[in-house]
């Protein structure tokens, strides 16, 4: 929840930020997991392309 809005000496509205700790470890964990998922997708796509190339090669060789 955002901090409370208060008026400073000049009458401008300011927002005080509550003391929150950075969630560096959870953010880093999310980045690492996302990277691993993307890497898995790339490897899977490469394997699929390799299978299709192998199938096409086999189909051409058996003619």
N, C-alpha and C. Protein backbone atom coordinates (compact mmCIF):
# COMPACT_ATOMS: atom_id res chain seq x y z
N UNK A 1 0.85 -1.16 0.00
CA UNK A 1 0.00 0.00 0.00
C UNK A 1 0.89 1.22 0.00
N UNK A 2 0.63 2.25 -0.83
CA UNK A 2 1.49 3.42 -0.87
C UNK A 2 1.44 4.17 0.46
N UNK A 3 2.45 4.99 0.66
CA UNK A 3 2.52 5.75 1.89
C UNK A 3 1.45 6.84 1.93
N UNK A 4 1.29 7.44 3.09
CA UNK A 4 0.28 8.47 3.27
C UNK A 4 0.73 9.77 2.61
N UNK A 5 -0.22 10.49 2.00
CA UNK A 5 0.09 11.78 1.38
C UNK A 5 0.02 12.85 2.46
N UNK A 6 1.02 13.72 2.51
CA UNK A 6 1.06 14.80 3.48
C UNK A 6 1.44 16.09 2.77
N UNK A 7 1.14 17.20 3.37
CA UNK A 7 1.53 18.50 2.81
C UNK A 7 2.81 18.95 3.48
N UNK A 8 3.80 19.39 2.66
CA UNK A 8 5.05 19.88 3.25
C UNK A 8 4.88 21.36 3.61
N UNK A 9 5.96 22.01 4.02
CA UNK A 9 5.90 23.39 4.48
C UNK A 9 5.42 24.35 3.39
N UNK A 10 5.70 24.05 2.13
CA UNK A 10 5.30 24.93 1.04
C UNK A 10 3.88 24.62 0.56
N UNK A 11 3.23 23.65 1.15
CA UNK A 11 1.87 23.32 0.76
C UNK A 11 1.78 22.28 -0.34
N UNK A 12 2.94 21.78 -0.80
CA UNK A 12 2.93 20.76 -1.86
C UNK A 12 2.62 19.41 -1.22
N UNK A 13 1.96 18.58 -2.00
CA UNK A 13 1.64 17.23 -1.52
C UNK A 13 2.85 16.33 -1.72
N UNK A 14 3.22 15.62 -0.71
CA UNK A 14 4.34 14.68 -0.80
C UNK A 14 3.83 13.31 -0.33
N UNK A 15 4.53 12.31 -0.76
CA UNK A 15 4.16 10.95 -0.36
C UNK A 15 5.30 10.36 0.44
N UNK A 16 4.99 9.84 1.60
CA UNK A 16 6.02 9.16 2.39
C UNK A 16 6.01 7.69 2.01
N UNK A 17 7.17 7.15 1.83
CA UNK A 17 7.31 5.74 1.46
C UNK A 17 7.53 4.91 2.71
N UNK A 18 6.75 3.87 2.87
CA UNK A 18 6.98 3.00 4.03
C UNK A 18 8.30 2.26 3.86
N UNK A 19 8.81 1.79 4.97
CA UNK A 19 10.08 1.07 4.94
C UNK A 19 9.87 -0.34 4.41
N UNK A 20 10.09 -0.52 3.12
CA UNK A 20 10.00 -1.84 2.51
C UNK A 20 11.39 -2.31 2.15
N UNK A 21 11.63 -3.56 2.37
CA UNK A 21 12.91 -4.13 1.98
C UNK A 21 12.81 -4.57 0.54
N UNK A 22 13.88 -4.38 -0.17
CA UNK A 22 13.93 -4.85 -1.55
C UNK A 22 13.80 -6.36 -1.57
N UNK A 23 13.12 -6.87 -2.52
CA UNK A 23 12.96 -8.31 -2.67
C UNK A 23 13.90 -8.78 -3.76
N UNK A 24 15.19 -8.51 -3.56
CA UNK A 24 16.20 -8.83 -4.56
C UNK A 24 16.27 -10.33 -4.83
N UNK A 25 16.18 -11.12 -3.79
CA UNK A 25 16.33 -12.56 -3.99
C UNK A 25 15.15 -13.14 -4.76
N UNK A 26 13.95 -12.68 -4.47
CA UNK A 26 12.80 -13.19 -5.22
C UNK A 26 12.81 -12.68 -6.64
N UNK A 27 13.26 -11.45 -6.85
CA UNK A 27 13.36 -10.91 -8.21
C UNK A 27 14.42 -11.67 -8.99
N UNK A 28 15.53 -11.93 -8.37
CA UNK A 28 16.60 -12.69 -9.02
C UNK A 28 16.13 -14.10 -9.33
N UNK A 29 15.42 -14.70 -8.41
CA UNK A 29 14.88 -16.04 -8.63
C UNK A 29 13.91 -16.07 -9.81
N UNK A 30 13.07 -15.04 -9.92
CA UNK A 30 12.12 -14.97 -11.04
C UNK A 30 12.85 -14.82 -12.37
N UNK A 31 13.91 -14.04 -12.39
CA UNK A 31 14.69 -13.86 -13.61
C UNK A 31 15.38 -15.16 -14.00
N UNK A 32 15.94 -15.85 -13.03
CA UNK A 32 16.63 -17.12 -13.31
C UNK A 32 15.63 -18.16 -13.82
N UNK A 33 14.48 -18.27 -13.18
CA UNK A 33 13.47 -19.24 -13.62
C UNK A 33 12.97 -18.90 -15.01
N UNK A 34 12.74 -17.62 -15.28
CA UNK A 34 12.30 -17.21 -16.61
C UNK A 34 13.35 -17.54 -17.65
N UNK A 35 14.60 -17.31 -17.33
CA UNK A 35 15.69 -17.64 -18.25
C UNK A 35 15.76 -19.13 -18.53
N UNK A 36 15.57 -19.94 -17.49
CA UNK A 36 15.60 -21.39 -17.68
C UNK A 36 14.43 -21.86 -18.54
N UNK A 37 13.28 -21.27 -18.34
CA UNK A 37 12.12 -21.63 -19.16
C UNK A 37 12.37 -21.26 -20.61
N UNK A 38 12.88 -20.05 -20.85
CA UNK A 38 13.18 -19.64 -22.22
C UNK A 38 14.25 -20.54 -22.85
N UNK A 39 15.25 -20.90 -22.08
CA UNK A 39 16.29 -21.80 -22.59
C UNK A 39 15.69 -23.15 -22.95
N UNK A 40 14.80 -23.67 -22.13
CA UNK A 40 14.14 -24.92 -22.42
C UNK A 40 13.31 -24.84 -23.69
N UNK A 41 12.62 -23.72 -23.88
CA UNK A 41 11.84 -23.54 -25.11
C UNK A 41 12.73 -23.49 -26.34
N UNK A 42 13.86 -22.80 -26.25
CA UNK A 42 14.79 -22.72 -27.38
C UNK A 42 15.36 -24.10 -27.70
N UNK A 43 15.74 -24.84 -26.67
CA UNK A 43 16.28 -26.19 -26.88
C UNK A 43 15.20 -27.10 -27.49
N UNK A 44 13.98 -26.98 -27.01
CA UNK A 44 12.88 -27.76 -27.55
C UNK A 44 12.61 -27.42 -29.01
N UNK A 45 12.65 -26.14 -29.35
CA UNK A 45 12.44 -25.73 -30.73
C UNK A 45 13.57 -26.24 -31.62
N UNK A 46 14.80 -26.20 -31.12
CA UNK A 46 15.94 -26.71 -31.89
C UNK A 46 15.81 -28.21 -32.12
N UNK A 47 15.36 -28.94 -31.12
CA UNK A 47 15.17 -30.38 -31.25
C UNK A 47 14.07 -30.68 -32.28
N UNK A 48 13.01 -29.89 -32.26
CA UNK A 48 11.93 -30.07 -33.23
C UNK A 48 12.42 -29.82 -34.65
N UNK A 49 13.18 -28.76 -34.84
CA UNK A 49 13.74 -28.46 -36.17
C UNK A 49 14.67 -29.59 -36.61
N UNK A 50 15.48 -30.09 -35.69
CA UNK A 50 16.40 -31.19 -36.03
C UNK A 50 15.61 -32.44 -36.45
N UNK A 51 14.52 -32.71 -35.76
CA UNK A 51 13.68 -33.86 -36.12
C UNK A 51 13.06 -33.68 -37.51
N UNK A 52 12.59 -32.47 -37.79
CA UNK A 52 12.00 -32.20 -39.10
C UNK A 52 13.03 -32.30 -40.22
N UNK A 53 14.25 -31.81 -39.97
CA UNK A 53 15.32 -31.92 -40.96
C UNK A 53 15.68 -33.39 -41.17
N UNK A 54 15.77 -34.14 -40.09
CA UNK A 54 16.06 -35.57 -40.20
C UNK A 54 14.97 -36.31 -40.97
N UNK A 55 13.73 -35.97 -40.71
CA UNK A 55 12.61 -36.59 -41.41
C UNK A 55 12.64 -36.24 -42.90
N UNK A 56 12.91 -34.99 -43.21
CA UNK A 56 12.99 -34.57 -44.61
C UNK A 56 14.15 -35.26 -45.31
N UNK A 57 15.28 -35.39 -44.65
CA UNK A 57 16.44 -36.08 -45.23
C UNK A 57 16.11 -37.54 -45.49
N UNK A 58 15.46 -38.19 -44.54
CA UNK A 58 15.09 -39.59 -44.71
C UNK A 58 14.10 -39.77 -45.87
N UNK A 59 13.13 -38.82 -45.96
CA UNK A 59 12.13 -38.89 -47.02
C UNK A 59 12.79 -38.73 -48.39
N UNK A 60 13.76 -37.87 -48.51
CA UNK A 60 14.45 -37.65 -49.78
C UNK A 60 15.37 -38.83 -50.12
N UNK A 61 15.96 -39.44 -49.10
CA UNK A 61 16.91 -40.53 -49.34
C UNK A 61 16.21 -41.83 -49.76
N UNK A 62 14.96 -41.99 -49.38
CA UNK A 62 14.28 -43.24 -49.69
C UNK A 62 13.61 -43.23 -51.07
N UNK A 63 13.76 -42.17 -51.82
CA UNK A 63 13.15 -42.10 -53.15
C UNK A 63 13.95 -42.86 -54.15
